[in-house]
C-alpha atoms as a PDB file:
ATOM      1  CA  UNK A   1     -27.046  23.822 -82.591  1.00  0.00           C
ATOM      2  CA  UNK A   2     -24.497  22.843 -80.157  1.00  0.00           C
ATOM      3  CA  UNK A   3     -25.264  21.652 -76.792  1.00  0.00           C
ATOM      4  CA  UNK A   4     -22.624  22.334 -74.082  1.00  0.00           C
ATOM      5  CA  UNK A   5     -21.374  21.603 -70.660  1.00  0.00           C
ATOM      6  CA  UNK A   6     -20.873  25.354 -68.571  1.00  0.00           C
ATOM      7  CA  UNK A   7     -21.602  26.865 -65.497  1.00  0.00           C
ATOM      8  CA  UNK A   8     -23.997  28.733 -63.801  1.00  0.00           C
ATOM      9  CA  UNK A   9     -21.886  31.931 -63.930  1.00  0.00           C
ATOM     10  CA  UNK A  10     -22.510  31.533 -67.862  1.00  0.00           C
ATOM     11  CA  UNK A  11     -26.715  31.438 -67.535  1.00  0.00           C
ATOM     12  CA  UNK A  12     -26.752  33.881 -64.701  1.00  0.00           C
ATOM     13  CA  UNK A  13     -28.177  36.650 -66.957  1.00  0.00           C
ATOM     14  CA  UNK A  14     -30.502  33.841 -69.006  1.00  0.00           C
ATOM     15  CA  UNK A  15     -31.821  32.394 -65.372  1.00  0.00           C
ATOM     16  CA  UNK A  16     -32.649  36.472 -64.530  1.00  0.00           C
ATOM     17  CA  UNK A  17     -34.375  36.701 -67.749  1.00  0.00           C
ATOM     18  CA  UNK A  18     -36.215  33.320 -66.858  1.00  0.00           C
ATOM     19  CA  UNK A  19     -37.417  34.855 -63.757  1.00  0.00           C
ATOM     20  CA  UNK A  20     -38.723  38.052 -65.291  1.00  0.00           C
ATOM     21  CA  UNK A  21     -41.013  36.603 -67.278  1.00  0.00           C
ATOM     22  CA  UNK A  22     -42.551  33.898 -64.879  1.00  0.00           C
ATOM     23  CA  UNK A  23     -45.893  35.189 -64.415  1.00  0.00           C
ATOM     24  CA  UNK A  24     -45.310  35.088 -60.113  1.00  0.00           C
ATOM     25  CA  UNK A  25     -42.415  35.434 -58.191  1.00  0.00           C
ATOM     26  CA  UNK A  26     -40.025  32.352 -57.548  1.00  0.00           C
ATOM     27  CA  UNK A  27     -40.246  31.301 -54.332  1.00  0.00           C
ATOM     28  CA  UNK A  28     -36.504  31.334 -53.465  1.00  0.00           C
ATOM     29  CA  UNK A  29     -36.139  28.074 -51.471  1.00  0.00           C
ATOM     30  CA  UNK A  30     -37.973  26.459 -54.197  1.00  0.00           C
ATOM     31  CA  UNK A  31     -35.284  27.473 -56.899  1.00  0.00           C
ATOM     32  CA  UNK A  32     -32.385  26.758 -54.934  1.00  0.00           C
ATOM     33  CA  UNK A  33     -33.976  22.986 -54.884  1.00  0.00           C
ATOM     34  CA  UNK A  34     -34.815  23.399 -57.958  1.00  0.00           C
ATOM     35  CA  UNK A  35     -30.629  23.921 -59.198  1.00  0.00           C
ATOM     36  CA  UNK A  36     -28.768  22.687 -56.633  1.00  0.00           C
ATOM     37  CA  UNK A  37     -26.230  19.986 -57.354  1.00  0.00           C
ATOM     38  CA  UNK A  38     -27.304  19.950 -60.916  1.00  0.00           C
ATOM     39  CA  UNK A  39     -24.960  20.282 -64.312  1.00  0.00           C
ATOM     40  CA  UNK A  40     -25.545  23.392 -66.686  1.00  0.00           C
ATOM     41  CA  UNK A  41     -25.548  22.493 -70.469  1.00  0.00           C
ATOM     42  CA  UNK A  42     -26.273  25.916 -72.462  1.00  0.00           C
ATOM     43  CA  UNK A  43     -27.588  25.319 -76.053  1.00  0.00           C
ATOM     44  CA  UNK A  44     -25.567  27.746 -78.777  1.00  0.00           C
ATOM     45  CA  UNK A  45     -27.275  29.059 -82.202  1.00  0.00           C
ATOM     46  CA  UNK A  46     -24.815  30.818 -84.497  1.00  0.00           C
ATOM     47  CA  UNK A  47     -22.103  31.464 -81.599  1.00  0.00           C
ATOM     48  CA  UNK A  48     -25.190  32.971 -78.968  1.00  0.00           C
ATOM     49  CA  UNK A  49     -26.277  31.077 -76.431  1.00  0.00           C
ATOM     50  CA  UNK A  50     -30.083  30.700 -77.002  1.00  0.00           C
ATOM     51  CA  UNK A  51     -30.829  29.063 -73.413  1.00  0.00           C
ATOM     52  CA  UNK A  52     -29.785  26.359 -71.079  1.00  0.00           C
ATOM     53  CA  UNK A  53     -30.904  23.381 -69.164  1.00  0.00           C
ATOM     54  CA  UNK A  54     -29.699  21.747 -65.649  1.00  0.00           C
ATOM     55  CA  UNK A  55     -29.869  18.419 -64.893  1.00  0.00           C
ATOM     56  CA  UNK A  56     -28.472  16.011 -61.832  1.00  0.00           C
ATOM     57  CA  UNK A  57     -28.016  12.209 -63.350  1.00  0.00           C
ATOM     58  CA  UNK A  58     -31.793  12.150 -65.408  1.00  0.00           C
ATOM     59  CA  UNK A  59     -33.736  14.883 -63.553  1.00  0.00           C
ATOM     60  CA  UNK A  60     -34.133  17.685 -65.172  1.00  0.00           C
ATOM     61  CA  UNK A  61     -33.994  20.871 -62.899  1.00  0.00           C
ATOM     62  CA  UNK A  62     -34.121  23.801 -65.058  1.00  0.00           C
ATOM     63  CA  UNK A  63     -34.956  24.713 -68.966  1.00  0.00           C
ATOM     64  CA  UNK A  64     -35.063  27.913 -70.568  1.00  0.00           C
ATOM     65  CA  UNK A  65     -35.089  28.968 -73.816  1.00  0.00           C
ATOM     66  CA  UNK A  66     -35.064  32.687 -74.901  1.00  0.00           C
ATOM     67  CA  UNK A  67     -38.877  34.353 -76.208  1.00  0.00           C
ATOM     68  CA  UNK A  68     -37.074  35.403 -79.665  1.00  0.00           C
ATOM     69  CA  UNK A  69     -35.729  31.409 -80.056  1.00  0.00           C
ATOM     70  CA  UNK A  70     -39.476  29.629 -79.280  1.00  0.00           C
ATOM     71  CA  UNK A  71     -39.027  27.861 -82.526  1.00  0.00           C
ATOM     72  CA  UNK A  72     -36.316  25.886 -81.761  1.00  0.00           C
ATOM     73  CA  UNK A  73     -37.602  25.582 -78.004  1.00  0.00           C
ATOM     74  CA  UNK A  74     -38.965  21.945 -78.956  1.00  0.00           C
ATOM     75  CA  UNK A  75     -36.151  20.800 -81.065  1.00  0.00           C
ATOM     76  CA  UNK A  76     -33.765  21.999 -78.111  1.00  0.00           C
ATOM     77  CA  UNK A  77     -36.365  20.054 -75.214  1.00  0.00           C
ATOM     78  CA  UNK A  78     -35.793  16.871 -77.476  1.00  0.00           C
ATOM     79  CA  UNK A  79     -32.014  16.771 -77.690  1.00  0.00           C
ATOM     80  CA  UNK A  80     -32.356  16.752 -73.790  1.00  0.00           C
ATOM     81  CA  UNK A  81     -35.077  14.025 -73.619  1.00  0.00           C
ATOM     82  CA  UNK A  82     -31.750  11.933 -76.015  1.00  0.00           C
ATOM     83  CA  UNK A  83     -29.311  12.370 -73.467  1.00  0.00           C
ATOM     84  CA  UNK A  84     -31.610  11.241 -70.815  1.00  0.00           C
ATOM     85  CA  UNK A  85     -34.099   8.480 -71.275  1.00  0.00           C
ATOM     86  CA  UNK A  86     -37.617   8.729 -69.604  1.00  0.00           C
ATOM     87  CA  UNK A  87     -36.208  11.966 -67.147  1.00  0.00           C
ATOM     88  CA  UNK A  88     -37.763  13.462 -64.414  1.00  0.00           C
ATOM     89  CA  UNK A  89     -38.350  17.425 -64.202  1.00  0.00           C
ATOM     90  CA  UNK A  90     -39.693  19.893 -61.714  1.00  0.00           C
ATOM     91  CA  UNK A  91     -42.214  22.391 -63.197  1.00  0.00           C
ATOM     92  CA  UNK A  92     -44.538  25.060 -61.876  1.00  0.00           C
ATOM     93  CA  UNK A  93     -47.592  25.833 -63.395  1.00  0.00           C
ATOM     94  CA  UNK A  94     -46.551  29.583 -64.180  1.00  0.00           C
ATOM     95  CA  UNK A  95     -43.516  28.338 -66.456  1.00  0.00           C
ATOM     96  CA  UNK A  96     -45.220  28.876 -69.636  1.00  0.00           C
ATOM     97  CA  UNK A  97     -42.707  27.539 -71.671  1.00  0.00           C
ATOM     98  CA  UNK A  98     -41.941  24.348 -70.079  1.00  0.00           C
ATOM     99  CA  UNK A  99     -45.525  23.468 -69.453  1.00  0.00           C
ATOM    100  CA  UNK A 100     -46.126  24.005 -73.619  1.00  0.00           C
ATOM    101  CA  UNK A 101     -43.297  21.461 -73.855  1.00  0.00           C
ATOM    102  CA  UNK A 102     -44.074  18.917 -71.435  1.00  0.00           C
ATOM    103  CA  UNK A 103     -47.249  18.380 -72.379  1.00  0.00           C
ATOM    104  CA  UNK A 104     -46.851  16.959 -75.428  1.00  0.00           C
ATOM    105  CA  UNK A 105     -45.412  14.272 -73.728  1.00  0.00           C
ATOM    106  CA  UNK A 106     -46.977  10.853 -72.710  1.00  0.00           C
ATOM    107  CA  UNK A 107     -46.100  11.912 -68.289  1.00  0.00           C
ATOM    108  CA  UNK A 108     -47.001  10.865 -64.671  1.00  0.00           C
ATOM    109  CA  UNK A 109     -47.300  13.356 -62.502  1.00  0.00           C
ATOM    110  CA  UNK A 110     -45.807  12.480 -59.051  1.00  0.00           C
ATOM    111  CA  UNK A 111     -45.648  15.090 -56.298  1.00  0.00           C
ATOM    112  CA  UNK A 112     -46.429  18.537 -56.504  1.00  0.00           C
ATOM    113  CA  UNK A 113     -48.146  21.462 -54.456  1.00  0.00           C
ATOM    114  CA  UNK A 114     -49.630  25.207 -54.647  1.00  0.00           C
ATOM    115  CA  UNK A 115     -48.108  28.464 -54.553  1.00  0.00           C
ATOM    116  CA  UNK A 116     -50.249  30.912 -52.608  1.00  0.00           C
ATOM    117  CA  UNK A 117     -50.344  34.632 -52.470  1.00  0.00           C
ATOM    118  CA  UNK A 118     -52.224  36.281 -49.505  1.00  0.00           C
ATOM    119  CA  UNK A 119     -54.710  38.802 -49.792  1.00  0.00           C
ATOM    120  CA  UNK A 120     -54.394  41.792 -47.638  1.00  0.00           C
ATOM    121  CA  UNK A 121     -57.660  42.730 -47.254  1.00  0.00           C
ATOM    122  CA  UNK A 122     -58.567  39.882 -44.763  1.00  0.00           C
ATOM    123  CA  UNK A 123     -57.768  40.944 -41.082  1.00  0.00           C
ATOM    124  CA  UNK A 124     -55.605  38.632 -39.209  1.00  0.00           C
ATOM    125  CA  UNK A 125     -55.990  37.986 -35.243  1.00  0.00           C
ATOM    126  CA  UNK A 126     -54.452  39.108 -32.590  1.00  0.00           C
ATOM    127  CA  UNK A 127     -52.334  36.937 -29.769  1.00  0.00           C
ATOM    128  CA  UNK A 128     -54.574  37.098 -26.569  1.00  0.00           C
ATOM    129  CA  UNK A 129     -52.343  34.373 -24.706  1.00  0.00           C
ATOM    130  CA  UNK A 130     -50.295  36.523 -22.316  1.00  0.00           C
ATOM    131  CA  UNK A 131     -48.140  33.181 -22.170  1.00  0.00           C
ATOM    132  CA  UNK A 132     -47.130  33.210 -26.298  1.00  0.00           C
ATOM    133  CA  UNK A 133     -44.674  35.732 -27.176  1.00  0.00           C
ATOM    134  CA  UNK A 134     -43.756  35.849 -30.839  1.00  0.00           C
ATOM    135  CA  UNK A 135     -40.008  37.535 -31.492  1.00  0.00           C
ATOM    136  CA  UNK A 136     -36.845  37.103 -33.563  1.00  0.00           C
ATOM    137  CA  UNK A 137     -34.343  34.113 -32.597  1.00  0.00           C
ATOM    138  CA  UNK A 138     -31.527  35.012 -30.443  1.00  0.00           C
ATOM    139  CA  UNK A 139     -28.691  33.121 -29.404  1.00  0.00           C
ATOM    140  CA  UNK A 140     -29.764  31.388 -26.197  1.00  0.00           C
ATOM    141  CA  UNK A 141     -32.657  30.306 -28.545  1.00  0.00           C
ATOM    142  CA  UNK A 142     -30.303  28.871 -31.028  1.00  0.00           C
ATOM    143  CA  UNK A 143     -30.321  25.119 -29.540  1.00  0.00           C
ATOM    144  CA  UNK A 144     -33.756  24.740 -29.331  1.00  0.00           C
ATOM    145  CA  UNK A 145     -34.996  25.932 -32.669  1.00  0.00           C
ATOM    146  CA  UNK A 146     -31.793  23.563 -34.822  1.00  0.00           C
ATOM    147  CA  UNK A 147     -33.482  20.554 -32.851  1.00  0.00           C
ATOM    148  CA  UNK A 148     -36.874  21.897 -34.432  1.00  0.00           C
ATOM    149  CA  UNK A 149     -35.325  21.914 -38.152  1.00  0.00           C
ATOM    150  CA  UNK A 150     -33.901  18.486 -37.116  1.00  0.00           C
ATOM    151  CA  UNK A 151     -37.355  17.319 -37.106  1.00  0.00           C
ATOM    152  CA  UNK A 152     -37.954  18.127 -40.612  1.00  0.00           C
ATOM    153  CA  UNK A 153     -36.778  15.855 -43.425  1.00  0.00           C
ATOM    154  CA  UNK A 154     -35.878  18.811 -45.834  1.00  0.00           C
ATOM    155  CA  UNK A 155     -33.672  20.015 -43.155  1.00  0.00           C
ATOM    156  CA  UNK A 156     -32.406  17.261 -41.256  1.00  0.00           C
ATOM    157  CA  UNK A 157     -29.580  17.792 -38.428  1.00  0.00           C
ATOM    158  CA  UNK A 158     -26.408  19.090 -39.591  1.00  0.00           C
ATOM    159  CA  UNK A 159     -24.205  21.389 -37.993  1.00  0.00           C
ATOM    160  CA  UNK A 160     -24.217  23.724 -41.348  1.00  0.00           C
ATOM    161  CA  UNK A 161     -28.445  24.805 -40.006  1.00  0.00           C
ATOM    162  CA  UNK A 162     -26.843  25.521 -37.004  1.00  0.00           C
ATOM    163  CA  UNK A 163     -24.174  28.341 -38.369  1.00  0.00           C
ATOM    164  CA  UNK A 164     -27.506  29.619 -41.058  1.00  0.00           C
ATOM    165  CA  UNK A 165     -29.614  30.083 -37.217  1.00  0.00           C
ATOM    166  CA  UNK A 166     -26.718  31.934 -35.816  1.00  0.00           C
ATOM    167  CA  UNK A 167     -25.414  34.313 -38.798  1.00  0.00           C
ATOM    168  CA  UNK A 168     -29.957  34.878 -39.126  1.00  0.00           C
ATOM    169  CA  UNK A 169     -29.968  36.625 -35.948  1.00  0.00           C
ATOM    170  CA  UNK A 170     -30.550  40.442 -36.544  1.00  0.00           C
ATOM    171  CA  UNK A 171     -31.194  40.519 -40.005  1.00  0.00           C
ATOM    172  CA  UNK A 172     -35.136  39.487 -39.461  1.00  0.00           C
ATOM    173  CA  UNK A 173     -34.944  36.172 -41.112  1.00  0.00           C
ATOM    174  CA  UNK A 174     -36.153  33.686 -38.687  1.00  0.00           C
ATOM    175  CA  UNK A 175     -38.630  33.976 -36.049  1.00  0.00           C
ATOM    176  CA  UNK A 176     -40.075  31.784 -32.873  1.00  0.00           C
ATOM    177  CA  UNK A 177     -43.592  31.351 -31.285  1.00  0.00           C
ATOM    178  CA  UNK A 178     -42.676  30.877 -28.133  1.00  0.00           C
ATOM    179  CA  UNK A 179     -44.907  29.824 -24.648  1.00  0.00           C
ATOM    180  CA  UNK A 180     -43.501  29.831 -21.237  1.00  0.00           C
ATOM    181  CA  UNK A 181     -39.814  30.310 -22.506  1.00  0.00           C
ATOM    182  CA  UNK A 182     -40.318  27.044 -24.813  1.00  0.00           C
ATOM    183  CA  UNK A 183     -39.756  27.549 -28.540  1.00  0.00           C
ATOM    184  CA  UNK A 184     -42.827  25.734 -29.728  1.00  0.00           C
ATOM    185  CA  UNK A 185     -42.321  26.365 -33.368  1.00  0.00           C
ATOM    186  CA  UNK A 186     -39.966  28.404 -35.861  1.00  0.00           C
ATOM    187  CA  UNK A 187     -40.863  30.713 -38.809  1.00  0.00           C
ATOM    188  CA  UNK A 188     -38.818  32.254 -41.313  1.00  0.00           C
ATOM    189  CA  UNK A 189     -39.684  34.698 -44.974  1.00  0.00           C
ATOM    190  CA  UNK A 190     -37.263  35.475 -47.263  1.00  0.00           C
ATOM    191  CA  UNK A 191     -37.450  38.217 -49.922  1.00  0.00           C
ATOM    192  CA  UNK A 192     -37.807  37.724 -53.265  1.00  0.00           C
ATOM    193  CA  UNK A 193     -38.445  39.658 -56.539  1.00  0.00           C
ATOM    194  CA  UNK A 194     -41.242  42.253 -56.640  1.00  0.00           C
ATOM    195  CA  UNK A 195     -41.197  42.992 -53.886  1.00  0.00           C
ATOM    196  CA  UNK A 196     -42.598  39.782 -52.513  1.00  0.00           C
ATOM    197  CA  UNK A 197     -41.212  37.873 -49.651  1.00  0.00           C
ATOM    198  CA  UNK A 198     -41.498  33.986 -48.874  1.00  0.00           C
ATOM    199  CA  UNK A 199     -42.666  32.311 -45.495  1.00  0.00           C
ATOM    200  CA  UNK A 200     -42.739  29.024 -44.504  1.00  0.00           C
ATOM    201  CA  UNK A 201     -42.835  27.438 -40.287  1.00  0.00           C
ATOM    202  CA  UNK A 202     -42.046  24.320 -38.661  1.00  0.00           C
ATOM    203  CA  UNK A 203     -43.745  23.524 -35.388  1.00  0.00           C
ATOM    204  CA  UNK A 204     -42.217  21.810 -32.593  1.00  0.00           C
ATOM    205  CA  UNK A 205     -43.144  18.270 -32.582  1.00  0.00           C
ATOM    206  CA  UNK A 206     -45.044  17.704 -29.008  1.00  0.00           C
ATOM    207  CA  UNK A 207     -47.307  21.399 -30.115  1.00  0.00           C
ATOM    208  CA  UNK A 208     -48.319  20.441 -33.213  1.00  0.00           C
ATOM    209  CA  UNK A 209     -51.979  19.815 -33.839  1.00  0.00           C
ATOM    210  CA  UNK A 210     -52.552  22.500 -31.049  1.00  0.00           C
ATOM    211  CA  UNK A 211     -53.363  25.553 -32.895  1.00  0.00           C
ATOM    212  CA  UNK A 212     -49.419  27.034 -32.878  1.00  0.00           C
ATOM    213  CA  UNK A 213     -49.454  26.934 -36.731  1.00  0.00           C
ATOM    214  CA  UNK A 214     -51.951  28.851 -37.553  1.00  0.00           C
ATOM    215  CA  UNK A 215     -50.814  31.931 -35.033  1.00  0.00           C
ATOM    216  CA  UNK A 216     -47.266  31.571 -36.150  1.00  0.00           C
ATOM    217  CA  UNK A 217     -48.491  31.669 -40.221  1.00  0.00           C
ATOM    218  CA  UNK A 218     -50.369  34.875 -39.046  1.00  0.00           C
ATOM    219  CA  UNK A 219     -48.089  36.468 -36.972  1.00  0.00           C
ATOM    220  CA  UNK A 220     -45.565  35.708 -39.993  1.00  0.00           C
ATOM    221  CA  UNK A 221     -47.901  36.977 -42.330  1.00  0.00           C
ATOM    222  CA  UNK A 222     -48.285  40.456 -40.639  1.00  0.00           C
ATOM    223  CA  UNK A 223     -44.578  40.265 -39.901  1.00  0.00           C
ATOM    224  CA  UNK A 224     -44.221  40.575 -44.155  1.00  0.00           C
ATOM    225  CA  UNK A 225     -47.153  42.724 -44.600  1.00  0.00           C
ATOM    226  CA  UNK A 226     -45.924  45.308 -42.213  1.00  0.00           C
ATOM    227  CA  UNK A 227     -42.761  45.484 -44.015  1.00  0.00           C
ATOM    228  CA  UNK A 228     -44.838  46.590 -47.456  1.00  0.00           C
ATOM    229  CA  UNK A 229     -43.991  43.004 -48.988  1.00  0.00           C
ATOM    230  CA  UNK A 230     -46.874  40.971 -50.642  1.00  0.00           C
ATOM    231  CA  UNK A 231     -47.141  37.637 -48.592  1.00  0.00           C
ATOM    232  CA  UNK A 232     -46.376  34.181 -50.847  1.00  0.00           C
ATOM    233  CA  UNK A 233     -45.878  30.748 -49.296  1.00  0.00           C
ATOM    234  CA  UNK A 234     -46.265  26.808 -50.650  1.00  0.00           C
ATOM    235  CA  UNK A 235     -48.099  23.474 -49.607  1.00  0.00           C
ATOM    236  CA  UNK A 236     -47.814  19.970 -51.159  1.00  0.00           C
ATOM    237  CA  UNK A 237     -50.483  19.271 -53.065  1.00  0.00           C
ATOM    238  CA  UNK A 238     -51.227  16.003 -50.826  1.00  0.00           C
ATOM    239  CA  UNK A 239     -51.962  17.993 -47.766  1.00  0.00           C
ATOM    240  CA  UNK A 240     -55.354  19.272 -47.670  1.00  0.00           C
ATOM    241  CA  UNK A 241     -55.504  20.028 -44.329  1.00  0.00           C
ATOM    242  CA  UNK A 242     -52.439  22.695 -44.967  1.00  0.00           C
ATOM    243  CA  UNK A 243     -53.870  24.522 -47.831  1.00  0.00           C
ATOM    244  CA  UNK A 244     -57.347  24.847 -45.916  1.00  0.00           C
ATOM    245  CA  UNK A 245     -55.760  26.321 -43.367  1.00  0.00           C
ATOM    246  CA  UNK A 246     -53.558  28.686 -45.771  1.00  0.00           C
ATOM    247  CA  UNK A 247     -57.031  29.653 -47.279  1.00  0.00           C
ATOM    248  CA  UNK A 248     -58.799  30.515 -43.784  1.00  0.00           C
ATOM    249  CA  UNK A 249     -55.661  33.107 -43.197  1.00  0.00           C
ATOM    250  CA  UNK A 250     -56.495  35.220 -46.614  1.00  0.00           C
ATOM    251  CA  UNK A 251     -54.273  32.740 -49.175  1.00  0.00           C
ATOM    252  CA  UNK A 252     -55.334  32.001 -52.254  1.00  0.00           C
ATOM    253  CA  UNK A 253     -54.118  29.509 -54.974  1.00  0.00           C
ATOM    254  CA  UNK A 254     -52.058  31.291 -57.798  1.00  0.00           C
ATOM    255  CA  UNK A 255     -49.728  28.665 -59.669  1.00  0.00           C
ATOM    256  CA  UNK A 256     -48.884  24.953 -59.066  1.00  0.00           C
ATOM    257  CA  UNK A 257     -45.837  22.906 -59.260  1.00  0.00           C
ATOM    258  CA  UNK A 258     -44.998  19.129 -59.385  1.00  0.00           C
ATOM    259  CA  UNK A 259     -42.790  16.583 -60.732  1.00  0.00           C
ATOM    260  CA  UNK A 260     -43.575  14.972 -63.718  1.00  0.00           C
ATOM    261  CA  UNK A 261     -42.131  11.819 -65.401  1.00  0.00           C
ATOM    262  CA  UNK A 262     -41.817  11.841 -69.388  1.00  0.00           C
ATOM    263  CA  UNK A 263     -42.377   8.410 -70.678  1.00  0.00           C
ATOM    264  CA  UNK A 264     -42.740   9.158 -74.503  1.00  0.00           C
ATOM    265  CA  UNK A 265     -43.704  11.824 -77.273  1.00  0.00           C
ATOM    266  CA  UNK A 266     -46.795  12.042 -78.072  1.00  0.00           C
ATOM    267  CA  UNK A 267     -47.640  10.685 -82.003  1.00  0.00           C
ATOM    268  CA  UNK A 268     -50.896  11.844 -82.500  1.00  0.00           C
ATOM    269  CA  UNK A 269     -51.647  15.296 -84.043  1.00  0.00           C
ATOM    270  CA  UNK A 270     -54.482  15.898 -82.495  1.00  0.00           C
ATOM    271  CA  UNK A 271     -53.780  15.596 -78.971  1.00  0.00           C
ATOM    272  CA  UNK A 272     -50.218  16.784 -79.310  1.00  0.00           C
ATOM    273  CA  UNK A 273     -50.285  20.704 -77.879  1.00  0.00           C
ATOM    274  CA  UNK A 274     -49.950  23.997 -80.198  1.00  0.00           C
ATOM    275  CA  UNK A 275     -46.120  25.389 -78.831  1.00  0.00           C
ATOM    276  CA  UNK A 276     -47.144  29.137 -77.611  1.00  0.00           C
ATOM    277  CA  UNK A 277     -46.629  30.748 -74.232  1.00  0.00           C
ATOM    278  CA  UNK A 278     -49.846  30.528 -72.538  1.00  0.00           C
ATOM    279  CA  UNK A 279     -51.946  32.941 -70.052  1.00  0.00           C
ATOM    280  CA  UNK A 280     -52.602  32.295 -66.690  1.00  0.00           C
ATOM    281  CA  UNK A 281     -55.996  31.321 -67.772  1.00  0.00           C
ATOM    282  CA  UNK A 282     -54.895  28.870 -70.107  1.00  0.00           C
ATOM    283  CA  UNK A 283     -52.264  26.755 -67.852  1.00  0.00           C
ATOM    284  CA  UNK A 284     -54.924  26.323 -65.397  1.00  0.00           C
ATOM    285  CA  UNK A 285     -56.835  24.391 -67.994  1.00  0.00           C
ATOM    286  CA  UNK A 286     -54.265  22.299 -69.026  1.00  0.00           C
ATOM    287  CA  UNK A 287     -53.475  21.263 -65.404  1.00  0.00           C
END
């Protein structure tokens, strides 16, 4: 087997194949974070690309082997670990290939979170306060919305974020919750595959813990479902308050994601898990 440095273009079809095998739609923003700035490597067997991995320094951003080459998955993963000593890997619980490979090693689990879907049967309340308005972003709100993005550690105060907001006008991506002409929070949604859409919100610092988060999440969910999309979101596993809020709005956990520090191979055959691609039930038993 040969391992070669490659490009995202060369693995585009493989990435589509991987996404189609996940049990649930993969959040667009999470996927972008996973592979951003990484170096692509392909696994080649008999002149055929059978899989790939993407790394950034010692962090494994993504890994995939074609189903028909399952029997080579462990060898491929071992080759990656030979190159990257004590690597860190980002993984989701519906990525059964990585789950099986990673849990054959001694690991430390760190940051992570939950992927949640909403049950449409739970009715969401309407906004009854006449001072509150839910509306798409407009040119006169760009500056306020940009400041809200700047308060979030993931986005930061970058000029490119302002351009992103400007380009999103009239595209039904970003929405605001406005109280007396003041933007209290910014919501967004992003369509992904299988007729699903991810939602997320950021509440302006002065309006946190005042109920605006629930209102904005509710409005974003209604917007997505009105357009016949299935509504998804994600929360940190350390944020029990947010998870409880999501559950109040009809969301339920369908998958988990986390960061694993790989410390070494498990030598005990009784502890080592037999490699195969698990069902969702099996995955939650593993986790």
